[in-house]
């Protein structure tokens, strides 16, 4: 009897250790809305790698990140990193994006949809993020750049619905010469 209780306690302890380790390393996130279509859809669930930016690693242009909204801290959002610290972002009326006067090539978008246009300077230790469905996305064009400390992690795996299972649409993005 004593050995059975001991084994049960060991299993429970191991389960708790695994649970808390996973809690600090990954998080699930439910997509609410259509701001990331066509690459991520409303009501999909993704796992977020909370360790992606530990140990001095920083977000790269094209990463899909989950972050605490700086203007609405009660909400977590998911968007794509477009601008890095110190860069000047210009979004044209046709939806094209210039970074320090170089065109951002965005092969993950079927077209350059509309939405707010303008020019923004990204402060040090902050990032400029936009939704893939630019016409309906509330993003850095509206709420401002995202402080590094607000970034929860990088979208990693789509887990729901099962038919969409796979890696999140993080893309390496290049800059081209100005047209």
N, C-alpha and C. Protein backbone atom coordinates (compact mmCIF):
# COMPACT_ATOMS: atom_id res chain seq x y z
N UNK A 1 0.83 -1.19 0.00
CA UNK A 1 0.00 0.00 0.00
C UNK A 1 0.87 1.26 0.00
N UNK A 2 1.91 1.22 0.80
CA UNK A 2 2.81 2.37 0.91
C UNK A 2 3.50 2.64 -0.42
N UNK A 3 3.87 1.61 -1.12
CA UNK A 3 4.55 1.78 -2.40
C UNK A 3 3.59 2.32 -3.46
N UNK A 4 2.32 1.95 -3.39
CA UNK A 4 1.32 2.48 -4.32
C UNK A 4 1.14 3.98 -4.11
N UNK A 5 1.03 4.40 -2.89
CA UNK A 5 0.88 5.84 -2.58
C UNK A 5 2.11 6.60 -3.05
N UNK A 6 3.26 6.03 -2.83
CA UNK A 6 4.51 6.66 -3.25
C UNK A 6 4.55 6.82 -4.78
N UNK A 7 4.15 5.79 -5.52
CA UNK A 7 4.12 5.88 -6.97
C UNK A 7 3.11 6.90 -7.47
N UNK A 8 1.95 6.96 -6.83
CA UNK A 8 0.94 7.95 -7.21
C UNK A 8 1.48 9.36 -6.98
N UNK A 9 2.12 9.60 -5.86
CA UNK A 9 2.70 10.91 -5.57
C UNK A 9 3.79 11.27 -6.58
N UNK A 10 4.60 10.31 -6.98
CA UNK A 10 5.64 10.57 -7.97
C UNK A 10 5.03 10.94 -9.32
N UNK A 11 3.97 10.24 -9.73
CA UNK A 11 3.30 10.54 -11.00
C UNK A 11 2.67 11.94 -10.94
N UNK A 12 2.00 12.25 -9.84
CA UNK A 12 1.37 13.57 -9.69
C UNK A 12 2.43 14.66 -9.71
N UNK A 13 3.52 14.45 -8.99
CA UNK A 13 4.61 15.43 -8.96
C UNK A 13 5.21 15.63 -10.36
N UNK A 14 5.45 14.54 -11.06
CA UNK A 14 5.98 14.62 -12.41
C UNK A 14 5.00 15.37 -13.33
N UNK A 15 3.72 15.08 -13.22
CA UNK A 15 2.71 15.76 -14.04
C UNK A 15 2.70 17.26 -13.75
N UNK A 16 2.82 17.63 -12.49
CA UNK A 16 2.87 19.06 -12.13
C UNK A 16 4.12 19.74 -12.68
N UNK A 17 5.24 19.07 -12.60
CA UNK A 17 6.49 19.63 -13.14
C UNK A 17 6.36 19.84 -14.64
N UNK A 18 5.84 18.85 -15.36
CA UNK A 18 5.65 18.97 -16.80
C UNK A 18 4.67 20.08 -17.12
N UNK A 19 3.57 20.15 -16.39
CA UNK A 19 2.55 21.19 -16.62
C UNK A 19 3.16 22.58 -16.46
N UNK A 20 3.85 22.83 -15.35
CA UNK A 20 4.41 24.16 -15.12
C UNK A 20 5.55 24.48 -16.08
N UNK A 21 6.33 23.50 -16.48
CA UNK A 21 7.39 23.74 -17.46
C UNK A 21 6.76 24.16 -18.79
N UNK A 22 5.73 23.44 -19.23
CA UNK A 22 5.06 23.80 -20.47
C UNK A 22 4.37 25.15 -20.36
N UNK A 23 3.80 25.45 -19.21
CA UNK A 23 3.12 26.73 -19.01
C UNK A 23 4.07 27.90 -19.22
N UNK A 24 5.31 27.77 -18.80
CA UNK A 24 6.27 28.85 -18.94
C UNK A 24 6.95 28.86 -20.31
N UNK A 25 6.86 27.77 -21.07
CA UNK A 25 7.54 27.68 -22.36
C UNK A 25 6.62 27.92 -23.56
N UNK A 26 5.37 27.47 -23.48
CA UNK A 26 4.44 27.64 -24.58
C UNK A 26 3.09 28.12 -24.06
N UNK A 27 2.31 28.65 -24.96
CA UNK A 27 0.97 29.14 -24.61
C UNK A 27 0.08 28.91 -25.82
N UNK A 28 -1.17 28.58 -25.59
CA UNK A 28 -2.07 28.51 -26.72
C UNK A 28 -2.75 29.86 -26.89
N UNK A 29 -3.11 30.19 -28.12
CA UNK A 29 -3.71 31.49 -28.43
C UNK A 29 -4.79 31.27 -29.47
N UNK A 30 -5.96 31.84 -29.22
CA UNK A 30 -7.08 31.72 -30.17
C UNK A 30 -7.14 32.99 -31.01
N UNK A 31 -7.16 32.82 -32.32
CA UNK A 31 -7.27 33.95 -33.24
C UNK A 31 -8.71 34.45 -33.21
N UNK A 32 -8.86 35.72 -32.95
CA UNK A 32 -10.18 36.35 -32.93
C UNK A 32 -10.22 37.37 -34.06
N UNK A 33 -11.05 37.15 -35.05
CA UNK A 33 -11.18 38.11 -36.14
C UNK A 33 -10.45 37.66 -37.39
N UNK A 34 -10.46 38.54 -38.39
CA UNK A 34 -9.94 38.20 -39.71
C UNK A 34 -8.69 38.99 -40.08
N UNK A 35 -8.06 39.64 -39.13
CA UNK A 35 -6.94 40.53 -39.45
C UNK A 35 -5.70 39.81 -39.98
N UNK A 36 -5.60 38.49 -39.81
CA UNK A 36 -4.42 37.76 -40.30
C UNK A 36 -4.73 36.88 -41.51
N UNK A 37 -5.95 36.99 -42.05
CA UNK A 37 -6.27 36.21 -43.24
C UNK A 37 -5.48 36.74 -44.42
N UNK A 38 -5.09 35.94 -45.35
CA UNK A 38 -5.48 34.56 -45.57
C UNK A 38 -4.58 33.53 -44.89
N UNK A 39 -3.59 33.99 -44.11
CA UNK A 39 -2.60 33.07 -43.54
C UNK A 39 -3.02 32.45 -42.22
N UNK A 40 -3.78 33.15 -41.43
CA UNK A 40 -4.36 32.61 -40.19
C UNK A 40 -5.82 33.03 -40.16
N UNK A 41 -6.70 32.15 -39.70
CA UNK A 41 -8.13 32.40 -39.78
C UNK A 41 -8.78 32.54 -38.41
N UNK A 42 -9.94 33.19 -38.42
CA UNK A 42 -10.74 33.36 -37.23
C UNK A 42 -11.00 32.00 -36.57
N UNK A 43 -10.83 31.96 -35.27
CA UNK A 43 -11.08 30.79 -34.42
C UNK A 43 -10.04 29.68 -34.53
N UNK A 44 -8.96 29.90 -35.24
CA UNK A 44 -7.87 28.94 -35.21
C UNK A 44 -7.15 29.09 -33.87
N UNK A 45 -6.54 28.00 -33.44
CA UNK A 45 -5.69 28.03 -32.25
C UNK A 45 -4.25 27.79 -32.69
N UNK A 46 -3.34 28.58 -32.13
CA UNK A 46 -1.92 28.39 -32.39
C UNK A 46 -1.20 28.21 -31.06
N UNK A 47 -0.12 27.46 -31.10
CA UNK A 47 0.78 27.40 -29.95
C UNK A 47 1.82 28.50 -30.14
N UNK A 48 2.11 29.19 -29.07
CA UNK A 48 3.05 30.30 -29.08
C UNK A 48 4.31 29.86 -28.35
N UNK A 49 5.45 29.99 -29.01
CA UNK A 49 6.74 29.67 -28.41
C UNK A 49 7.20 30.88 -27.59
N UNK A 50 7.05 30.79 -26.28
CA UNK A 50 7.40 31.91 -25.41
C UNK A 50 8.92 32.04 -25.22
N UNK A 51 9.68 31.04 -25.65
CA UNK A 51 11.14 31.09 -25.48
C UNK A 51 11.85 31.62 -26.72
N UNK A 52 11.11 31.88 -27.80
CA UNK A 52 11.73 32.26 -29.08
C UNK A 52 12.62 33.49 -28.97
N UNK A 53 12.28 34.40 -28.08
CA UNK A 53 13.04 35.65 -27.98
C UNK A 53 13.78 35.77 -26.66
N UNK A 54 14.08 34.65 -26.04
CA UNK A 54 14.90 34.66 -24.83
C UNK A 54 16.37 34.70 -25.24
N UNK A 55 17.21 34.96 -24.31
CA UNK A 55 18.67 34.89 -24.48
C UNK A 55 19.17 35.82 -25.58
N UNK A 56 18.60 37.01 -25.66
CA UNK A 56 19.09 38.01 -26.61
C UNK A 56 18.54 37.89 -28.01
N UNK A 57 17.72 36.88 -28.28
CA UNK A 57 17.10 36.78 -29.61
C UNK A 57 16.00 37.83 -29.73
N UNK A 58 15.91 38.45 -30.88
CA UNK A 58 14.89 39.46 -31.11
C UNK A 58 14.03 39.05 -32.30
N UNK A 59 12.81 39.59 -32.37
CA UNK A 59 11.94 39.28 -33.50
C UNK A 59 12.58 39.71 -34.82
N UNK A 60 12.31 38.94 -35.85
CA UNK A 60 12.77 39.23 -37.21
C UNK A 60 11.58 39.72 -38.03
N UNK A 61 11.88 40.48 -39.05
CA UNK A 61 10.85 40.90 -39.98
C UNK A 61 10.21 39.64 -40.59
N UNK A 62 8.89 39.59 -40.56
CA UNK A 62 8.16 38.44 -41.08
C UNK A 62 7.68 37.48 -40.01
N UNK A 63 8.20 37.59 -38.79
CA UNK A 63 7.73 36.75 -37.68
C UNK A 63 6.29 37.10 -37.33
N UNK A 64 5.49 36.09 -37.05
CA UNK A 64 4.14 36.30 -36.53
C UNK A 64 4.25 36.20 -35.01
N UNK A 65 3.91 37.31 -34.34
CA UNK A 65 4.08 37.38 -32.89
C UNK A 65 2.75 37.57 -32.18
N UNK A 66 2.72 37.13 -30.94
CA UNK A 66 1.60 37.40 -30.04
C UNK A 66 2.14 38.37 -29.00
N UNK A 67 1.37 39.41 -28.73
CA UNK A 67 1.84 40.46 -27.83
C UNK A 67 0.68 41.08 -27.07
N UNK A 68 1.01 41.70 -25.98
CA UNK A 68 0.04 42.46 -25.21
C UNK A 68 -0.06 43.82 -25.88
N UNK A 69 -1.26 44.21 -26.29
CA UNK A 69 -1.45 45.47 -27.00
C UNK A 69 -1.06 46.65 -26.11
N UNK A 70 -0.15 47.52 -26.59
CA UNK A 70 0.29 48.63 -25.75
C UNK A 70 -0.82 49.63 -25.43
N UNK A 71 -1.77 49.80 -26.33
CA UNK A 71 -2.85 50.75 -26.11
C UNK A 71 -4.07 50.13 -25.43
N UNK A 72 -4.12 48.81 -25.38
CA UNK A 72 -5.22 48.09 -24.72
C UNK A 72 -4.63 46.87 -24.01
N UNK A 73 -3.96 47.07 -22.87
CA UNK A 73 -3.20 45.98 -22.23
C UNK A 73 -4.03 44.78 -21.81
N UNK A 74 -5.34 44.90 -21.81
CA UNK A 74 -6.18 43.75 -21.45
C UNK A 74 -6.29 42.77 -22.61
N UNK A 75 -5.79 43.13 -23.80
CA UNK A 75 -5.91 42.27 -24.98
C UNK A 75 -4.55 41.81 -25.46
N UNK A 76 -4.51 40.54 -25.87
CA UNK A 76 -3.35 40.01 -26.59
C UNK A 76 -3.74 39.99 -28.06
N UNK A 77 -2.78 40.32 -28.92
CA UNK A 77 -3.03 40.34 -30.36
C UNK A 77 -1.99 39.50 -31.07
N UNK A 78 -2.30 39.17 -32.32
CA UNK A 78 -1.36 38.44 -33.16
C UNK A 78 -1.21 39.21 -34.47
N UNK A 79 0.03 39.53 -34.82
CA UNK A 79 0.33 40.30 -36.03
C UNK A 79 1.70 39.87 -36.55
N UNK A 80 2.05 40.39 -37.74
CA UNK A 80 3.34 40.10 -38.35
C UNK A 80 4.29 41.28 -38.15
N UNK A 81 5.54 41.00 -37.76
CA UNK A 81 6.54 42.05 -37.59
C UNK A 81 6.90 42.59 -38.98
N UNK A 82 6.78 43.89 -39.13
CA UNK A 82 7.09 44.57 -40.39
C UNK A 82 8.33 45.45 -40.21
N UNK A 83 8.34 46.25 -39.13
CA UNK A 83 9.43 47.18 -38.91
C UNK A 83 10.21 46.87 -37.66
N UNK A 84 11.52 47.07 -37.74
CA UNK A 84 12.43 46.80 -36.62
C UNK A 84 12.85 48.11 -35.95
N UNK A 85 13.43 48.05 -34.76
CA UNK A 85 13.82 49.27 -34.05
C UNK A 85 14.69 50.19 -34.91
N UNK A 86 14.34 51.48 -34.88
CA UNK A 86 15.13 52.49 -35.58
C UNK A 86 14.74 52.70 -37.04
N UNK A 87 13.84 51.90 -37.58
CA UNK A 87 13.48 52.02 -38.99
C UNK A 87 12.34 53.03 -39.19
N UNK A 88 12.24 53.54 -40.41
CA UNK A 88 11.13 54.39 -40.80
C UNK A 88 10.23 53.58 -41.72
N UNK A 89 8.95 53.48 -41.35
CA UNK A 89 7.97 52.70 -42.09
C UNK A 89 7.04 53.67 -42.82
N UNK A 90 6.86 53.44 -44.11
CA UNK A 90 5.91 54.23 -44.88
C UNK A 90 4.94 53.27 -45.55
N UNK A 91 3.66 53.43 -45.26
CA UNK A 91 2.62 52.64 -45.90
C UNK A 91 1.92 53.55 -46.89
N UNK A 92 1.99 53.18 -48.16
CA UNK A 92 1.39 53.98 -49.24
C UNK A 92 -0.11 53.72 -49.31
N UNK A 93 -0.81 54.60 -50.01
CA UNK A 93 -2.26 54.44 -50.18
C UNK A 93 -2.62 53.14 -50.89
N UNK A 94 -1.74 52.65 -51.77
CA UNK A 94 -2.01 51.40 -52.48
C UNK A 94 -1.71 50.17 -51.61
N UNK A 95 -1.23 50.41 -50.39
CA UNK A 95 -0.94 49.31 -49.47
C UNK A 95 0.50 48.85 -49.47
N UNK A 96 1.29 49.31 -50.41
CA UNK A 96 2.70 48.90 -50.42
C UNK A 96 3.42 49.52 -49.23
N UNK A 97 4.47 48.84 -48.77
CA UNK A 97 5.20 49.25 -47.58
C UNK A 97 6.65 49.52 -47.94
N UNK A 98 7.13 50.69 -47.52
CA UNK A 98 8.54 51.04 -47.69
C UNK A 98 9.19 51.08 -46.32
N UNK A 99 10.37 50.50 -46.23
CA UNK A 99 11.14 50.52 -44.99
C UNK A 99 12.46 51.21 -45.31
N UNK A 100 12.67 52.35 -44.66
CA UNK A 100 13.85 53.17 -44.97
C UNK A 100 13.99 53.34 -46.48
N UNK A 101 12.88 53.65 -47.14
CA UNK A 101 12.78 53.93 -48.58
C UNK A 101 12.98 52.70 -49.46
N UNK A 102 12.99 51.51 -48.91
CA UNK A 102 13.09 50.28 -49.71
C UNK A 102 11.77 49.53 -49.63
N UNK A 103 11.32 49.04 -50.78
CA UNK A 103 10.06 48.31 -50.85
C UNK A 103 10.14 46.99 -50.11
N UNK A 104 9.15 46.71 -49.28
CA UNK A 104 9.06 45.43 -48.57
C UNK A 104 8.35 44.44 -49.49
N UNK A 105 9.04 43.35 -49.81
CA UNK A 105 8.43 42.29 -50.62
C UNK A 105 7.65 41.38 -49.69
N UNK A 106 6.36 41.21 -49.96
CA UNK A 106 5.50 40.42 -49.08
C UNK A 106 4.79 39.31 -49.87
N UNK A 107 5.50 38.23 -50.15
CA UNK A 107 4.92 37.14 -50.95
C UNK A 107 3.78 36.41 -50.24
N UNK A 108 3.62 36.59 -48.95
CA UNK A 108 2.55 35.93 -48.19
C UNK A 108 1.22 36.65 -48.34
N UNK A 109 1.20 37.82 -49.00
CA UNK A 109 -0.04 38.55 -49.24
C UNK A 109 -0.48 38.36 -50.68
N UNK A 110 -1.77 38.08 -50.91
CA UNK A 110 -2.25 37.93 -52.29
C UNK A 110 -2.26 39.26 -53.04
N UNK A 111 -2.37 40.37 -52.30
CA UNK A 111 -2.35 41.70 -52.89
C UNK A 111 -1.98 42.68 -51.78
N UNK A 112 -1.86 43.93 -52.12
CA UNK A 112 -1.60 44.95 -51.10
C UNK A 112 -2.92 45.63 -50.77
N UNK A 113 -3.65 45.08 -49.80
CA UNK A 113 -4.94 45.67 -49.44
C UNK A 113 -4.75 47.04 -48.79
N UNK A 114 -5.83 47.76 -48.64
CA UNK A 114 -5.80 49.11 -48.10
C UNK A 114 -5.58 49.18 -46.61
N UNK A 115 -6.22 50.15 -46.01
CA UNK A 115 -6.03 50.42 -44.60
C UNK A 115 -5.31 51.74 -44.43
N UNK A 116 -5.04 52.13 -43.20
CA UNK A 116 -4.39 53.42 -42.96
C UNK A 116 -3.03 53.52 -43.64
N UNK A 117 -2.75 54.69 -44.15
CA UNK A 117 -1.44 54.96 -44.74
C UNK A 117 -0.77 56.05 -43.93
N UNK A 118 0.54 56.19 -44.10
CA UNK A 118 1.28 57.21 -43.37
C UNK A 118 2.72 56.79 -43.19
N UNK A 119 3.42 57.56 -42.37
CA UNK A 119 4.83 57.29 -42.09
C UNK A 119 5.02 57.24 -40.58
N UNK A 120 5.80 56.24 -40.12
CA UNK A 120 6.06 56.05 -38.70
C UNK A 120 7.54 55.79 -38.48
N UNK A 121 8.06 56.33 -37.40
CA UNK A 121 9.43 56.05 -36.97
C UNK A 121 9.34 55.04 -35.84
N UNK A 122 10.04 53.92 -35.95
CA UNK A 122 9.99 52.89 -34.91
C UNK A 122 11.06 53.21 -33.86
N UNK A 123 10.65 53.45 -32.61
CA UNK A 123 11.63 53.74 -31.56
C UNK A 123 12.52 52.54 -31.25
N UNK A 124 13.64 52.80 -30.61
CA UNK A 124 14.53 51.72 -30.17
C UNK A 124 13.76 50.80 -29.24
N UNK A 125 14.04 49.51 -29.31
CA UNK A 125 13.44 48.48 -28.47
C UNK A 125 11.92 48.34 -28.69
N UNK A 126 11.45 48.76 -29.87
CA UNK A 126 10.05 48.58 -30.23
C UNK A 126 9.97 48.03 -31.65
N UNK A 127 8.79 47.48 -32.00
CA UNK A 127 8.58 46.83 -33.29
C UNK A 127 7.27 47.32 -33.90
N UNK A 128 7.24 47.36 -35.21
CA UNK A 128 6.05 47.78 -35.95
C UNK A 128 5.45 46.52 -36.55
N UNK A 129 4.20 46.23 -36.21
CA UNK A 129 3.55 44.99 -36.67
C UNK A 129 2.24 45.31 -37.36
N UNK A 130 1.91 44.52 -38.37
CA UNK A 130 0.67 44.70 -39.12
C UNK A 130 0.02 43.35 -39.36
N UNK A 131 -1.31 43.37 -39.48
CA UNK A 131 -2.03 42.18 -39.86
C UNK A 131 -1.87 41.91 -41.34
N UNK A 132 -2.03 40.68 -41.76
CA UNK A 132 -1.93 40.33 -43.18
C UNK A 132 -3.14 40.82 -43.97
N UNK A 133 -4.27 40.96 -43.31
CA UNK A 133 -5.49 41.47 -43.94
C UNK A 133 -5.57 42.96 -43.60
N UNK A 134 -4.75 43.74 -44.26
CA UNK A 134 -4.49 45.13 -43.89
C UNK A 134 -5.73 46.01 -43.83
N UNK A 135 -6.72 45.73 -44.66
CA UNK A 135 -7.91 46.57 -44.70
C UNK A 135 -8.75 46.52 -43.43
N UNK A 136 -8.64 45.45 -42.65
CA UNK A 136 -9.45 45.31 -41.43
C UNK A 136 -8.61 45.18 -40.16
N UNK A 137 -7.31 45.31 -40.29
CA UNK A 137 -6.42 45.06 -39.15
C UNK A 137 -6.22 46.30 -38.28
N UNK A 138 -6.41 46.13 -36.99
CA UNK A 138 -6.04 47.15 -36.01
C UNK A 138 -4.64 46.78 -35.56
N UNK A 139 -3.65 47.56 -35.97
CA UNK A 139 -2.26 47.18 -35.75
C UNK A 139 -1.42 48.40 -35.40
N UNK A 140 -0.14 48.36 -35.65
CA UNK A 140 0.75 49.46 -35.27
C UNK A 140 0.42 50.76 -35.99
N UNK A 141 -0.28 50.69 -37.10
CA UNK A 141 -0.71 51.91 -37.78
C UNK A 141 -1.73 52.66 -36.94
N UNK A 142 -2.47 51.94 -36.09
CA UNK A 142 -3.49 52.55 -35.24
C UNK A 142 -3.03 52.68 -33.79
N UNK A 143 -2.46 51.61 -33.25
CA UNK A 143 -2.14 51.55 -31.82
C UNK A 143 -0.70 51.84 -31.49
N UNK A 144 0.13 52.08 -32.49
CA UNK A 144 1.53 52.39 -32.26
C UNK A 144 2.42 51.16 -32.23
N UNK A 145 3.74 51.40 -32.21
CA UNK A 145 4.70 50.30 -32.16
C UNK A 145 4.57 49.49 -30.87
N UNK A 146 5.12 48.28 -30.90
CA UNK A 146 5.01 47.36 -29.77
C UNK A 146 6.33 47.33 -29.01
N UNK A 147 6.31 47.69 -27.73
CA UNK A 147 7.54 47.58 -26.94
C UNK A 147 7.99 46.11 -26.85
N UNK A 148 9.27 45.89 -26.88
CA UNK A 148 9.84 44.53 -26.82
C UNK A 148 9.30 43.77 -25.61
N UNK A 149 9.13 44.45 -24.49
CA UNK A 149 8.66 43.80 -23.26
C UNK A 149 7.22 43.30 -23.37
N UNK A 150 6.45 43.80 -24.34
CA UNK A 150 5.06 43.36 -24.52
C UNK A 150 4.93 42.10 -25.37
N UNK A 151 6.02 41.68 -26.00
CA UNK A 151 5.95 40.51 -26.88
C UNK A 151 5.97 39.23 -26.04
N UNK A 152 4.92 38.44 -26.21
CA UNK A 152 4.77 37.20 -25.45
C UNK A 152 5.57 36.08 -26.11
N UNK A 153 5.53 36.01 -27.44
CA UNK A 153 6.26 34.96 -28.13
C UNK A 153 5.93 34.93 -29.61
N UNK A 154 6.46 33.92 -30.25
CA UNK A 154 6.33 33.73 -31.69
C UNK A 154 5.33 32.61 -31.98
N UNK A 155 4.39 32.87 -32.89
CA UNK A 155 3.45 31.83 -33.29
C UNK A 155 4.26 30.66 -33.85
N UNK A 156 3.90 29.45 -33.42
CA UNK A 156 4.72 28.29 -33.73
C UNK A 156 3.96 27.26 -34.55
N UNK A 157 2.88 26.73 -33.99
CA UNK A 157 2.14 25.65 -34.65
C UNK A 157 0.64 25.94 -34.58
N UNK A 158 -0.04 25.76 -35.71
CA UNK A 158 -1.51 25.83 -35.73
C UNK A 158 -2.00 24.48 -35.25
N UNK A 159 -2.81 24.48 -34.19
CA UNK A 159 -3.25 23.20 -33.61
C UNK A 159 -4.75 22.93 -33.79
N UNK A 160 -5.52 23.95 -34.17
CA UNK A 160 -6.96 23.74 -34.33
C UNK A 160 -7.49 24.70 -35.37
N UNK A 161 -8.35 24.28 -36.24
CA UNK A 161 -8.88 22.92 -36.37
C UNK A 161 -7.82 21.96 -36.91
N UNK A 162 -8.05 20.71 -36.67
CA UNK A 162 -7.09 19.67 -37.05
C UNK A 162 -6.74 19.74 -38.53
N UNK A 163 -7.71 20.09 -39.36
CA UNK A 163 -7.46 20.14 -40.81
C UNK A 163 -6.44 21.22 -41.18
N UNK A 164 -6.22 22.20 -40.31
CA UNK A 164 -5.25 23.28 -40.56
C UNK A 164 -3.92 23.04 -39.86
N UNK A 165 -3.76 21.91 -39.20
CA UNK A 165 -2.56 21.64 -38.40
C UNK A 165 -1.30 21.86 -39.23
N UNK A 166 -0.34 22.54 -38.63
CA UNK A 166 0.94 22.77 -39.31
C UNK A 166 1.66 23.95 -38.69
N UNK A 167 2.80 24.28 -39.24
CA UNK A 167 3.58 25.39 -38.71
C UNK A 167 2.91 26.72 -39.03
N UNK A 168 3.06 27.67 -38.13
CA UNK A 168 2.52 29.02 -38.33
C UNK A 168 3.24 29.68 -39.50
N UNK A 169 2.58 30.64 -40.16
CA UNK A 169 3.13 31.23 -41.38
C UNK A 169 4.18 32.32 -41.13
N UNK A 170 5.24 31.98 -40.40
CA UNK A 170 6.37 32.90 -40.24
C UNK A 170 7.15 32.88 -41.54
N UNK A 171 7.49 34.04 -42.06
CA UNK A 171 8.16 34.12 -43.36
C UNK A 171 9.38 35.02 -43.26
N UNK A 172 10.42 34.66 -43.96
CA UNK A 172 11.57 35.54 -44.11
C UNK A 172 11.19 36.55 -45.17
N UNK A 173 11.35 37.82 -44.86
CA UNK A 173 10.91 38.87 -45.75
C UNK A 173 12.10 39.70 -46.20
N UNK A 174 12.13 40.04 -47.49
CA UNK A 174 13.25 40.79 -48.05
C UNK A 174 12.82 42.21 -48.44
N UNK A 175 13.80 43.07 -48.49
CA UNK A 175 13.59 44.43 -48.99
C UNK A 175 14.14 44.52 -50.41
N UNK A 176 13.44 45.23 -51.26
CA UNK A 176 13.88 45.41 -52.65
C UNK A 176 14.27 46.89 -52.84
N UNK A 177 14.87 47.18 -53.92
CA UNK A 177 15.19 48.57 -54.24
C UNK A 177 13.89 49.33 -54.45
N UNK A 178 13.88 50.61 -54.18
CA UNK A 178 12.69 51.44 -54.37
C UNK A 178 12.29 51.44 -55.84
N UNK A 179 10.98 51.27 -56.11
CA UNK A 179 10.53 51.23 -57.50
C UNK A 179 10.72 52.57 -58.21
